[in-house]
């Protein structure tokens, strides 16, 4: 996390470079982008006017990319083989009448965003409605998570100094490990059900 903060901060003299970094990080993990921006703002190394639009566009761009992967899988056998798993197929019931709820659950529940958002494209649900829903959700999600990270980051910077990123890194690592654990358990369960069937 510290190297990520240093990379973003070293690009601070170049507005386009820092905007590009904050745009791309949500494609890996949006919470990391939000926390990194909050810590840099708390350390007065980044402006909120640059951080928010860049992260927001990265979040919406990632969501549209996932939708397009699902849509591509509909027409491409290779993409279908790699992207459409049993978890995606099981979402069809939910998606039809509860798109807003499904997108919200996909955003906040660890490990569900990728299959959920791909499933929306796979089942050819309205791109316009999907884009409006994910954009609206991002408008609320970004400030809430940013506010929490900024409050924690500001307090940590005031008390701990430049080591503040460690305080924020611990919960992020725990979340990532929990996501990995859930993903591994699901894969093991799928393998067992496949070998039993």
N, C-alpha and C. Protein backbone atom coordinates (compact mmCIF):
# COMPACT_ATOMS: atom_id res chain seq x y z
N UNK A 1 0.83 -1.19 0.00
CA UNK A 1 0.00 0.00 0.00
C UNK A 1 0.87 1.24 0.00
N UNK A 2 1.96 1.23 0.77
CA UNK A 2 2.84 2.38 0.82
C UNK A 2 3.45 2.65 -0.55
N UNK A 3 3.86 1.60 -1.28
CA UNK A 3 4.43 1.79 -2.60
C UNK A 3 3.38 2.33 -3.56
N UNK A 4 2.12 1.92 -3.40
CA UNK A 4 1.04 2.45 -4.22
C UNK A 4 0.85 3.93 -3.94
N UNK A 5 0.85 4.31 -2.66
CA UNK A 5 0.73 5.72 -2.30
C UNK A 5 1.90 6.52 -2.85
N UNK A 6 3.11 5.97 -2.74
CA UNK A 6 4.28 6.67 -3.26
C UNK A 6 4.21 6.84 -4.76
N UNK A 7 3.74 5.80 -5.47
CA UNK A 7 3.61 5.90 -6.93
C UNK A 7 2.62 6.99 -7.31
N UNK A 8 1.47 6.99 -6.65
CA UNK A 8 0.46 8.00 -6.97
C UNK A 8 0.97 9.39 -6.62
N UNK A 9 1.58 9.52 -5.45
CA UNK A 9 2.08 10.82 -5.01
C UNK A 9 3.21 11.31 -5.89
N UNK A 10 4.09 10.41 -6.36
CA UNK A 10 5.20 10.83 -7.22
C UNK A 10 4.69 11.32 -8.56
N UNK A 11 3.48 10.91 -8.93
CA UNK A 11 2.87 11.37 -10.17
C UNK A 11 2.09 12.66 -9.96
N UNK A 12 2.10 13.21 -8.73
CA UNK A 12 1.27 14.36 -8.41
C UNK A 12 1.60 15.58 -9.24
N UNK A 13 2.83 15.66 -9.74
CA UNK A 13 3.19 16.79 -10.57
C UNK A 13 2.56 16.67 -11.95
N UNK A 14 2.14 15.49 -12.31
CA UNK A 14 1.50 15.25 -13.60
C UNK A 14 0.04 14.88 -13.37
N UNK A 15 -0.85 15.84 -13.57
CA UNK A 15 -2.28 15.60 -13.36
C UNK A 15 -2.82 14.41 -14.13
N UNK A 16 -2.49 14.28 -15.44
CA UNK A 16 -3.00 13.13 -16.19
C UNK A 16 -2.51 11.79 -15.65
N UNK A 17 -1.26 11.73 -15.17
CA UNK A 17 -0.73 10.46 -14.66
C UNK A 17 -1.46 10.03 -13.39
N UNK A 18 -1.69 10.96 -12.49
CA UNK A 18 -2.37 10.61 -11.24
C UNK A 18 -3.83 10.27 -11.51
N UNK A 19 -4.47 10.99 -12.43
CA UNK A 19 -5.85 10.68 -12.79
C UNK A 19 -5.94 9.29 -13.43
N UNK A 20 -4.97 8.95 -14.27
CA UNK A 20 -4.96 7.63 -14.91
C UNK A 20 -4.79 6.52 -13.88
N UNK A 21 -3.88 6.73 -12.91
CA UNK A 21 -3.67 5.72 -11.87
C UNK A 21 -4.94 5.51 -11.06
N UNK A 22 -5.59 6.58 -10.67
CA UNK A 22 -6.82 6.45 -9.87
C UNK A 22 -7.97 5.90 -10.69
N UNK A 23 -7.95 6.10 -12.00
CA UNK A 23 -8.96 5.51 -12.87
C UNK A 23 -8.76 4.00 -13.00
N UNK A 24 -7.51 3.55 -13.11
CA UNK A 24 -7.22 2.14 -13.36
C UNK A 24 -7.31 1.26 -12.12
N UNK A 25 -7.01 1.78 -10.94
CA UNK A 25 -6.99 0.96 -9.73
C UNK A 25 -8.34 0.30 -9.44
N UNK A 26 -9.50 0.94 -9.67
CA UNK A 26 -10.76 0.24 -9.43
C UNK A 26 -10.96 -1.02 -10.28
N UNK A 27 -10.24 -1.14 -11.40
CA UNK A 27 -10.33 -2.36 -12.20
C UNK A 27 -9.72 -3.53 -11.43
N UNK A 28 -8.81 -3.24 -10.50
CA UNK A 28 -8.23 -4.27 -9.64
C UNK A 28 -9.09 -4.42 -8.39
N UNK A 29 -9.28 -3.30 -7.68
CA UNK A 29 -10.13 -3.31 -6.48
C UNK A 29 -10.47 -1.87 -6.12
N UNK A 30 -11.75 -1.53 -6.16
CA UNK A 30 -12.15 -0.13 -5.96
C UNK A 30 -11.87 0.36 -4.55
N UNK A 31 -11.99 -0.49 -3.55
CA UNK A 31 -11.75 -0.05 -2.18
C UNK A 31 -10.29 0.36 -1.97
N UNK A 32 -9.37 -0.31 -2.65
CA UNK A 32 -7.96 0.06 -2.55
C UNK A 32 -7.77 1.46 -3.13
N UNK A 33 -8.41 1.75 -4.26
CA UNK A 33 -8.31 3.09 -4.86
C UNK A 33 -8.86 4.15 -3.92
N UNK A 34 -10.01 3.87 -3.32
CA UNK A 34 -10.65 4.84 -2.42
C UNK A 34 -9.79 5.08 -1.19
N UNK A 35 -9.28 4.01 -0.59
CA UNK A 35 -8.46 4.14 0.61
C UNK A 35 -7.15 4.85 0.30
N UNK A 36 -6.52 4.51 -0.83
CA UNK A 36 -5.28 5.18 -1.22
C UNK A 36 -5.51 6.67 -1.41
N UNK A 37 -6.59 7.02 -2.10
CA UNK A 37 -6.90 8.44 -2.31
C UNK A 37 -7.18 9.14 -0.99
N UNK A 38 -7.93 8.49 -0.10
CA UNK A 38 -8.24 9.10 1.19
C UNK A 38 -6.98 9.37 2.00
N UNK A 39 -6.04 8.41 2.00
CA UNK A 39 -4.79 8.61 2.74
C UNK A 39 -3.94 9.72 2.13
N UNK A 40 -3.89 9.76 0.79
CA UNK A 40 -3.12 10.82 0.14
C UNK A 40 -3.74 12.20 0.40
N UNK A 41 -5.06 12.27 0.42
CA UNK A 41 -5.73 13.54 0.72
C UNK A 41 -5.49 13.92 2.17
N UNK A 42 -5.55 12.93 3.07
CA UNK A 42 -5.29 13.20 4.49
C UNK A 42 -3.87 13.70 4.71
N UNK A 43 -2.93 13.25 3.87
CA UNK A 43 -1.54 13.69 3.97
C UNK A 43 -1.27 14.94 3.15
N UNK A 44 -2.32 15.53 2.56
CA UNK A 44 -2.21 16.74 1.73
C UNK A 44 -1.30 16.54 0.53
N UNK A 45 -1.34 15.33 -0.03
CA UNK A 45 -0.55 15.02 -1.21
C UNK A 45 -1.40 14.90 -2.46
N UNK A 46 -2.73 15.07 -2.32
CA UNK A 46 -3.65 14.90 -3.43
C UNK A 46 -4.89 15.74 -3.16
N UNK A 47 -5.49 16.27 -4.22
CA UNK A 47 -6.72 17.05 -4.05
C UNK A 47 -7.94 16.17 -4.27
N UNK A 48 -8.98 16.44 -3.52
CA UNK A 48 -10.22 15.68 -3.67
C UNK A 48 -10.86 15.94 -5.03
N UNK A 49 -10.61 17.13 -5.61
CA UNK A 49 -11.17 17.47 -6.91
C UNK A 49 -10.60 16.57 -8.02
N UNK A 50 -9.41 16.07 -7.84
CA UNK A 50 -8.82 15.14 -8.81
C UNK A 50 -9.19 13.70 -8.48
N UNK A 51 -9.21 13.38 -7.20
CA UNK A 51 -9.43 11.99 -6.78
C UNK A 51 -10.83 11.49 -7.11
N UNK A 52 -11.86 12.23 -6.72
CA UNK A 52 -13.23 11.73 -6.86
C UNK A 52 -13.63 11.44 -8.30
N UNK A 53 -13.46 12.38 -9.24
CA UNK A 53 -13.87 12.08 -10.61
C UNK A 53 -13.10 10.90 -11.21
N UNK A 54 -11.81 10.81 -10.90
CA UNK A 54 -10.99 9.73 -11.47
C UNK A 54 -11.45 8.37 -10.96
N UNK A 55 -11.66 8.26 -9.64
CA UNK A 55 -12.11 6.99 -9.07
C UNK A 55 -13.52 6.65 -9.54
N UNK A 56 -14.40 7.64 -9.55
CA UNK A 56 -15.77 7.41 -10.00
C UNK A 56 -15.80 6.89 -11.43
N UNK A 57 -15.05 7.53 -12.32
CA UNK A 57 -15.01 7.07 -13.72
C UNK A 57 -14.41 5.67 -13.82
N UNK A 58 -13.42 5.37 -12.98
CA UNK A 58 -12.84 4.02 -12.97
C UNK A 58 -13.84 2.98 -12.50
N UNK A 59 -14.64 3.32 -11.49
CA UNK A 59 -15.65 2.38 -11.00
C UNK A 59 -16.71 2.11 -12.07
N UNK A 60 -17.21 3.16 -12.69
CA UNK A 60 -18.25 2.99 -13.72
C UNK A 60 -17.66 2.30 -14.95
N UNK A 61 -16.42 2.66 -15.32
CA UNK A 61 -15.76 2.00 -16.45
C UNK A 61 -15.58 0.52 -16.21
N UNK A 62 -15.18 0.14 -15.00
CA UNK A 62 -15.04 -1.27 -14.66
C UNK A 62 -16.38 -2.01 -14.73
N UNK A 63 -17.43 -1.36 -14.23
CA UNK A 63 -18.76 -1.98 -14.26
C UNK A 63 -19.22 -2.21 -15.70
N UNK A 64 -18.99 -1.23 -16.57
CA UNK A 64 -19.37 -1.38 -17.98
C UNK A 64 -18.51 -2.44 -18.66
N UNK A 65 -17.25 -2.53 -18.27
CA UNK A 65 -16.37 -3.57 -18.82
C UNK A 65 -16.89 -4.96 -18.44
N UNK A 66 -17.30 -5.14 -17.18
CA UNK A 66 -17.83 -6.44 -16.76
C UNK A 66 -19.11 -6.79 -17.52
N UNK A 67 -19.98 -5.79 -17.72
CA UNK A 67 -21.20 -6.02 -18.51
C UNK A 67 -20.83 -6.47 -19.92
N UNK A 68 -19.84 -5.79 -20.52
CA UNK A 68 -19.45 -6.12 -21.89
C UNK A 68 -18.83 -7.52 -21.98
N UNK A 69 -18.14 -7.96 -20.92
CA UNK A 69 -17.62 -9.33 -20.91
C UNK A 69 -18.76 -10.34 -20.96
N UNK A 70 -19.81 -10.08 -20.18
CA UNK A 70 -20.98 -10.97 -20.20
C UNK A 70 -21.66 -10.96 -21.55
N UNK A 71 -21.80 -9.78 -22.15
CA UNK A 71 -22.43 -9.67 -23.46
C UNK A 71 -21.59 -10.39 -24.52
N UNK A 72 -20.27 -10.26 -24.43
CA UNK A 72 -19.38 -10.93 -25.39
C UNK A 72 -19.48 -12.44 -25.24
N UNK A 73 -19.63 -12.91 -24.02
CA UNK A 73 -19.72 -14.36 -23.78
C UNK A 73 -20.96 -14.96 -24.43
N UNK A 74 -22.00 -14.15 -24.59
CA UNK A 74 -23.21 -14.62 -25.26
C UNK A 74 -22.93 -15.01 -26.70
N UNK A 75 -21.96 -14.36 -27.32
CA UNK A 75 -21.70 -14.55 -28.75
C UNK A 75 -20.39 -15.27 -29.04
N UNK A 76 -19.63 -15.63 -28.01
CA UNK A 76 -18.33 -16.21 -28.23
C UNK A 76 -18.16 -17.44 -27.34
N UNK A 77 -17.95 -18.59 -27.97
CA UNK A 77 -17.87 -19.85 -27.22
C UNK A 77 -16.67 -19.87 -26.26
N UNK A 78 -15.54 -19.30 -26.70
CA UNK A 78 -14.36 -19.28 -25.83
C UNK A 78 -14.61 -18.43 -24.60
N UNK A 79 -15.15 -17.24 -24.82
CA UNK A 79 -15.46 -16.36 -23.68
C UNK A 79 -16.49 -17.01 -22.77
N UNK A 80 -17.48 -17.66 -23.36
CA UNK A 80 -18.52 -18.33 -22.57
C UNK A 80 -17.90 -19.40 -21.68
N UNK A 81 -16.95 -20.16 -22.21
CA UNK A 81 -16.31 -21.24 -21.44
C UNK A 81 -15.55 -20.68 -20.23
N UNK A 82 -14.89 -19.52 -20.39
CA UNK A 82 -14.10 -18.96 -19.30
C UNK A 82 -14.91 -18.12 -18.32
N UNK A 83 -15.97 -17.50 -18.78
CA UNK A 83 -16.68 -16.53 -17.95
C UNK A 83 -17.96 -17.04 -17.32
N UNK A 84 -18.69 -17.89 -18.02
CA UNK A 84 -20.01 -18.27 -17.54
C UNK A 84 -19.90 -19.57 -16.76
N UNK A 85 -19.91 -19.43 -15.47
CA UNK A 85 -19.81 -20.55 -14.54
C UNK A 85 -21.20 -20.85 -13.98
N UNK A 86 -21.34 -21.94 -13.25
CA UNK A 86 -22.64 -22.25 -12.66
C UNK A 86 -23.19 -21.12 -11.78
N UNK A 87 -22.31 -20.39 -11.09
CA UNK A 87 -22.78 -19.28 -10.25
C UNK A 87 -23.49 -18.23 -11.09
N UNK A 88 -22.97 -17.96 -12.28
CA UNK A 88 -23.59 -16.97 -13.16
C UNK A 88 -24.96 -17.48 -13.62
N UNK A 89 -25.03 -18.74 -13.99
CA UNK A 89 -26.30 -19.31 -14.46
C UNK A 89 -27.37 -19.25 -13.37
N UNK A 90 -26.97 -19.45 -12.13
CA UNK A 90 -27.94 -19.43 -11.03
C UNK A 90 -28.52 -18.05 -10.76
N UNK A 91 -27.86 -17.00 -11.24
CA UNK A 91 -28.32 -15.65 -10.98
C UNK A 91 -29.50 -15.22 -11.86
N UNK A 92 -29.82 -15.98 -12.89
CA UNK A 92 -30.85 -15.55 -13.83
C UNK A 92 -32.19 -15.26 -13.15
N UNK A 93 -32.56 -16.06 -12.18
CA UNK A 93 -33.82 -15.86 -11.47
C UNK A 93 -33.84 -14.50 -10.78
N UNK A 94 -32.78 -14.19 -10.11
CA UNK A 94 -32.69 -12.93 -9.37
C UNK A 94 -32.67 -11.72 -10.28
N UNK A 95 -31.93 -11.83 -11.37
CA UNK A 95 -31.70 -10.68 -12.23
C UNK A 95 -32.96 -10.15 -12.90
N UNK A 96 -33.84 -11.01 -13.26
CA UNK A 96 -34.99 -10.60 -14.07
C UNK A 96 -35.82 -9.50 -13.41
N UNK A 97 -36.21 -9.67 -12.19
CA UNK A 97 -37.08 -8.69 -11.56
C UNK A 97 -36.43 -7.83 -10.50
N UNK A 98 -35.20 -8.12 -10.16
CA UNK A 98 -34.55 -7.43 -9.03
C UNK A 98 -33.19 -6.87 -9.39
N UNK A 99 -33.10 -6.23 -10.54
CA UNK A 99 -31.79 -5.78 -11.02
C UNK A 99 -31.12 -4.81 -10.05
N UNK A 100 -31.84 -3.85 -9.51
CA UNK A 100 -31.26 -2.89 -8.57
C UNK A 100 -30.70 -3.61 -7.35
N UNK A 101 -31.48 -4.49 -6.77
CA UNK A 101 -31.05 -5.24 -5.58
C UNK A 101 -29.84 -6.11 -5.88
N UNK A 102 -29.85 -6.76 -7.04
CA UNK A 102 -28.75 -7.65 -7.42
C UNK A 102 -27.46 -6.86 -7.62
N UNK A 103 -27.55 -5.70 -8.25
CA UNK A 103 -26.36 -4.88 -8.46
C UNK A 103 -25.83 -4.37 -7.12
N UNK A 104 -26.72 -3.98 -6.24
CA UNK A 104 -26.30 -3.54 -4.90
C UNK A 104 -25.60 -4.67 -4.14
N UNK A 105 -26.20 -5.85 -4.13
CA UNK A 105 -25.60 -6.99 -3.44
C UNK A 105 -24.25 -7.34 -4.06
N UNK A 106 -24.17 -7.29 -5.39
CA UNK A 106 -22.91 -7.56 -6.07
C UNK A 106 -21.82 -6.57 -5.68
N UNK A 107 -22.21 -5.33 -5.42
CA UNK A 107 -21.23 -4.30 -5.06
C UNK A 107 -20.71 -4.48 -3.64
N UNK A 108 -21.58 -4.83 -2.69
CA UNK A 108 -21.17 -4.83 -1.29
C UNK A 108 -20.77 -6.20 -0.74
N UNK A 109 -21.16 -7.28 -1.39
CA UNK A 109 -20.82 -8.62 -0.89
C UNK A 109 -19.52 -9.10 -1.52
N UNK A 110 -18.56 -9.51 -0.72
CA UNK A 110 -17.28 -9.97 -1.25
C UNK A 110 -17.44 -11.13 -2.23
N UNK A 111 -16.80 -11.01 -3.37
CA UNK A 111 -16.77 -12.08 -4.35
C UNK A 111 -17.94 -12.16 -5.30
N UNK A 112 -18.93 -11.28 -5.16
CA UNK A 112 -20.12 -11.37 -6.02
C UNK A 112 -20.14 -10.39 -7.18
N UNK A 113 -19.32 -9.35 -7.15
CA UNK A 113 -19.39 -8.34 -8.21
C UNK A 113 -19.10 -8.93 -9.58
N UNK A 114 -18.01 -9.66 -9.70
CA UNK A 114 -17.60 -10.20 -11.00
C UNK A 114 -18.70 -11.08 -11.61
N UNK A 115 -19.17 -12.13 -10.93
CA UNK A 115 -20.19 -12.96 -11.56
C UNK A 115 -21.52 -12.24 -11.75
N UNK A 116 -21.88 -11.35 -10.84
CA UNK A 116 -23.16 -10.66 -10.94
C UNK A 116 -23.19 -9.72 -12.12
N UNK A 117 -22.16 -8.89 -12.25
CA UNK A 117 -22.16 -7.90 -13.32
C UNK A 117 -21.97 -8.55 -14.69
N UNK A 118 -21.21 -9.64 -14.74
CA UNK A 118 -21.10 -10.38 -15.99
C UNK A 118 -22.45 -11.01 -16.35
N UNK A 119 -23.14 -11.51 -15.34
CA UNK A 119 -24.45 -12.13 -15.58
C UNK A 119 -25.45 -11.14 -16.15
N UNK A 120 -25.40 -9.89 -15.72
CA UNK A 120 -26.31 -8.87 -16.25
C UNK A 120 -26.09 -8.73 -17.76
N UNK A 121 -24.84 -8.72 -18.20
CA UNK A 121 -24.55 -8.67 -19.64
C UNK A 121 -24.91 -9.96 -20.34
N UNK A 122 -24.62 -11.07 -19.69
CA UNK A 122 -24.91 -12.38 -20.27
C UNK A 122 -26.41 -12.57 -20.55
N UNK A 123 -27.24 -12.14 -19.62
CA UNK A 123 -28.68 -12.30 -19.78
C UNK A 123 -29.31 -11.14 -20.54
N UNK A 124 -28.47 -10.27 -21.11
CA UNK A 124 -28.90 -9.21 -22.01
C UNK A 124 -29.91 -8.26 -21.37
N UNK A 125 -29.68 -7.93 -20.11
CA UNK A 125 -30.55 -6.97 -19.45
C UNK A 125 -30.18 -5.57 -19.94
N UNK A 126 -31.05 -4.63 -19.74
CA UNK A 126 -30.90 -3.29 -20.30
C UNK A 126 -29.58 -2.64 -19.89
N UNK A 127 -28.75 -2.31 -20.89
CA UNK A 127 -27.48 -1.64 -20.62
C UNK A 127 -27.72 -0.26 -20.04
N UNK A 128 -28.72 0.44 -20.54
CA UNK A 128 -29.02 1.78 -20.04
C UNK A 128 -29.40 1.73 -18.57
N UNK A 129 -30.28 0.81 -18.22
CA UNK A 129 -30.71 0.68 -16.82
C UNK A 129 -29.55 0.25 -15.93
N UNK A 130 -28.73 -0.68 -16.43
CA UNK A 130 -27.56 -1.14 -15.70
C UNK A 130 -26.59 0.01 -15.46
N UNK A 131 -26.28 0.79 -16.51
CA UNK A 131 -25.34 1.90 -16.39
C UNK A 131 -25.85 2.95 -15.41
N UNK A 132 -27.14 3.27 -15.48
CA UNK A 132 -27.72 4.25 -14.55
C UNK A 132 -27.68 3.73 -13.11
N UNK A 133 -27.97 2.45 -12.94
CA UNK A 133 -27.99 1.86 -11.60
C UNK A 133 -26.58 1.83 -11.00
N UNK A 134 -25.60 1.35 -11.77
CA UNK A 134 -24.24 1.28 -11.22
C UNK A 134 -23.66 2.68 -10.99
N UNK A 135 -23.98 3.62 -11.87
CA UNK A 135 -23.50 4.99 -11.67
C UNK A 135 -24.12 5.60 -10.42
N UNK A 136 -25.44 5.40 -10.26
CA UNK A 136 -26.11 5.92 -9.07
C UNK A 136 -25.58 5.29 -7.79
N UNK A 137 -25.34 3.99 -7.84
CA UNK A 137 -24.80 3.30 -6.67
C UNK A 137 -23.39 3.81 -6.35
N UNK A 138 -22.59 4.05 -7.39
CA UNK A 138 -21.24 4.57 -7.18
C UNK A 138 -21.27 5.97 -6.58
N UNK A 139 -22.27 6.77 -6.95
CA UNK A 139 -22.40 8.13 -6.41
C UNK A 139 -22.57 8.08 -4.89
N UNK A 140 -23.26 7.05 -4.39
CA UNK A 140 -23.45 6.92 -2.94
C UNK A 140 -22.32 6.14 -2.29
N UNK A 141 -21.85 5.09 -2.93
CA UNK A 141 -20.84 4.21 -2.36
C UNK A 141 -19.50 4.93 -2.16
N UNK A 142 -19.06 5.67 -3.18
CA UNK A 142 -17.76 6.33 -3.13
C UNK A 142 -17.63 7.29 -1.95
N UNK A 143 -18.57 8.23 -1.74
CA UNK A 143 -18.40 9.14 -0.59
C UNK A 143 -18.47 8.45 0.77
N UNK A 144 -19.30 7.41 0.87
CA UNK A 144 -19.43 6.71 2.16
C UNK A 144 -18.11 6.01 2.51
N UNK A 145 -17.59 5.22 1.59
CA UNK A 145 -16.34 4.50 1.85
C UNK A 145 -15.19 5.49 1.98
N UNK A 146 -15.19 6.53 1.15
CA UNK A 146 -14.15 7.55 1.25
C UNK A 146 -14.20 8.24 2.62
N UNK A 147 -15.40 8.60 3.07
CA UNK A 147 -15.53 9.27 4.37
C UNK A 147 -14.99 8.42 5.51
N UNK A 148 -15.31 7.12 5.48
CA UNK A 148 -14.79 6.22 6.51
C UNK A 148 -13.27 6.12 6.43
N UNK A 149 -12.76 5.94 5.21
CA UNK A 149 -11.30 5.82 5.05
C UNK A 149 -10.59 7.12 5.39
N UNK A 150 -11.18 8.24 5.00
CA UNK A 150 -10.56 9.53 5.29
C UNK A 150 -10.54 9.81 6.79
N UNK A 151 -11.66 9.53 7.47
CA UNK A 151 -11.70 9.73 8.92
C UNK A 151 -10.66 8.90 9.63
N UNK A 152 -10.57 7.64 9.26
CA UNK A 152 -9.57 6.75 9.85
C UNK A 152 -8.16 7.19 9.45
N UNK A 153 -8.00 7.54 8.18
CA UNK A 153 -6.68 7.96 7.69
C UNK A 153 -6.21 9.26 8.33
N UNK A 154 -7.13 10.23 8.49
CA UNK A 154 -6.77 11.52 9.10
C UNK A 154 -6.34 11.31 10.56
N UNK A 155 -7.12 10.50 11.28
CA UNK A 155 -6.77 10.22 12.68
C UNK A 155 -5.44 9.48 12.76
N UNK A 156 -5.23 8.54 11.84
CA UNK A 156 -3.98 7.77 11.85
C UNK A 156 -2.79 8.64 11.50
N UNK A 157 -2.94 9.51 10.50
CA UNK A 157 -1.84 10.39 10.12
C UNK A 157 -1.49 11.32 11.27
N UNK A 158 -2.51 11.85 11.96
CA UNK A 158 -2.26 12.76 13.08
C UNK A 158 -1.53 12.06 14.23
N UNK A 159 -1.86 10.79 14.46
CA UNK A 159 -1.30 10.09 15.60
C UNK A 159 -0.05 9.29 15.27
N UNK A 160 -0.02 8.70 14.09
CA UNK A 160 1.06 7.77 13.77
C UNK A 160 2.04 8.36 12.76
N UNK A 161 1.59 9.26 11.92
CA UNK A 161 2.46 9.84 10.91
C UNK A 161 2.43 9.03 9.62
N UNK A 162 3.58 8.90 8.99
CA UNK A 162 3.64 8.27 7.68
C UNK A 162 3.38 6.76 7.71
N UNK A 163 3.31 6.18 8.88
CA UNK A 163 3.00 4.75 8.99
C UNK A 163 1.49 4.49 9.03
N UNK A 164 0.70 5.52 8.81
CA UNK A 164 -0.75 5.40 8.90
C UNK A 164 -1.32 4.38 7.93
N UNK A 165 -0.66 4.21 6.79
CA UNK A 165 -1.19 3.27 5.80
C UNK A 165 -1.29 1.86 6.35
N UNK A 166 -0.44 1.50 7.34
CA UNK A 166 -0.51 0.16 7.93
C UNK A 166 -1.84 -0.07 8.64
N UNK A 167 -2.35 0.97 9.30
CA UNK A 167 -3.61 0.84 10.03
C UNK A 167 -4.76 0.56 9.07
N UNK A 168 -4.72 1.17 7.90
CA UNK A 168 -5.77 0.97 6.92
C UNK A 168 -5.53 -0.32 6.13
N UNK A 169 -4.28 -0.71 5.98
CA UNK A 169 -3.95 -1.90 5.21
C UNK A 169 -4.46 -3.18 5.86
N UNK A 170 -4.45 -3.24 7.17
CA UNK A 170 -4.86 -4.46 7.88
C UNK A 170 -6.30 -4.85 7.54
N UNK A 171 -7.30 -3.94 7.64
CA UNK A 171 -8.65 -4.34 7.26
C UNK A 171 -8.78 -4.73 5.79
N UNK A 172 -8.04 -4.03 4.91
CA UNK A 172 -8.11 -4.37 3.48
C UNK A 172 -7.57 -5.77 3.24
N UNK A 173 -6.45 -6.10 3.87
CA UNK A 173 -5.87 -7.44 3.72
C UNK A 173 -6.84 -8.49 4.27
N UNK A 174 -7.50 -8.18 5.39
CA UNK A 174 -8.47 -9.13 5.95
C UNK A 174 -9.63 -9.34 4.99
N UNK A 175 -10.13 -8.28 4.38
CA UNK A 175 -11.23 -8.39 3.42
C UNK A 175 -10.79 -9.23 2.22
N UNK A 176 -9.59 -8.95 1.70
CA UNK A 176 -9.10 -9.73 0.55
C UNK A 176 -8.91 -11.20 0.90
N UNK A 177 -8.41 -11.48 2.11
CA UNK A 177 -8.25 -12.87 2.52
C UNK A 177 -9.60 -13.57 2.69
N UNK A 178 -10.59 -12.86 3.22
CA UNK A 178 -11.93 -13.44 3.33
C UNK A 178 -12.52 -13.72 1.95
N UNK A 179 -12.31 -12.80 1.02
CA UNK A 179 -12.80 -13.02 -0.35
C UNK A 179 -12.13 -14.25 -0.97
N UNK A 180 -10.83 -14.36 -0.76
CA UNK A 180 -10.09 -15.50 -1.29
C UNK A 180 -10.60 -16.79 -0.66
N UNK A 181 -10.85 -16.77 0.63
CA UNK A 181 -11.35 -17.96 1.33
C UNK A 181 -12.72 -18.38 0.80
N UNK A 182 -13.62 -17.41 0.61
CA UNK A 182 -14.95 -17.71 0.07
C UNK A 182 -14.83 -18.28 -1.33
N UNK A 183 -13.96 -17.69 -2.14
CA UNK A 183 -13.77 -18.17 -3.51
C UNK A 183 -13.21 -19.59 -3.54
N UNK A 184 -12.23 -19.88 -2.68
CA UNK A 184 -11.66 -21.23 -2.63
C UNK A 184 -12.68 -22.25 -2.16
N UNK A 185 -13.48 -21.89 -1.17
CA UNK A 185 -14.52 -22.82 -0.70
C UNK A 185 -15.53 -23.13 -1.80
N UNK A 186 -15.91 -22.11 -2.55
CA UNK A 186 -16.87 -22.33 -3.64
C UNK A 186 -16.28 -23.23 -4.71
N UNK A 187 -15.01 -23.00 -5.04
CA UNK A 187 -14.37 -23.84 -6.05
C UNK A 187 -14.28 -25.29 -5.59
N UNK A 188 -13.93 -25.49 -4.32
CA UNK A 188 -13.87 -26.85 -3.79
C UNK A 188 -15.24 -27.51 -3.82
N UNK A 189 -16.27 -26.76 -3.45
CA UNK A 189 -17.63 -27.30 -3.47
C UNK A 189 -18.06 -27.64 -4.89
N UNK A 190 -17.69 -26.82 -5.86
CA UNK A 190 -18.01 -27.11 -7.26
C UNK A 190 -17.29 -28.35 -7.74
N UNK A 191 -16.02 -28.49 -7.38
CA UNK A 191 -15.26 -29.67 -7.78
C UNK A 191 -15.85 -30.93 -7.17
N UNK A 192 -16.24 -30.84 -5.90
CA UNK A 192 -16.84 -32.02 -5.25
C UNK A 192 -18.15 -32.39 -5.90
N UNK A 193 -18.98 -31.39 -6.22
CA UNK A 193 -20.27 -31.69 -6.85
C UNK A 193 -20.07 -32.22 -8.27
N UNK A 194 -19.05 -31.74 -8.97
CA UNK A 194 -18.76 -32.22 -10.33
C UNK A 194 -18.26 -33.65 -10.28
N UNK A 195 -17.37 -33.96 -9.34
CA UNK A 195 -16.83 -35.33 -9.26
C UNK A 195 -17.88 -36.30 -8.72
N UNK A 196 -18.80 -35.82 -7.88
CA UNK A 196 -19.86 -36.70 -7.37
C UNK A 196 -20.91 -36.97 -8.43
N UNK A 197 -21.10 -35.99 -9.36
CA UNK A 197 -22.13 -36.14 -10.39
C UNK A 197 -21.64 -36.83 -11.56
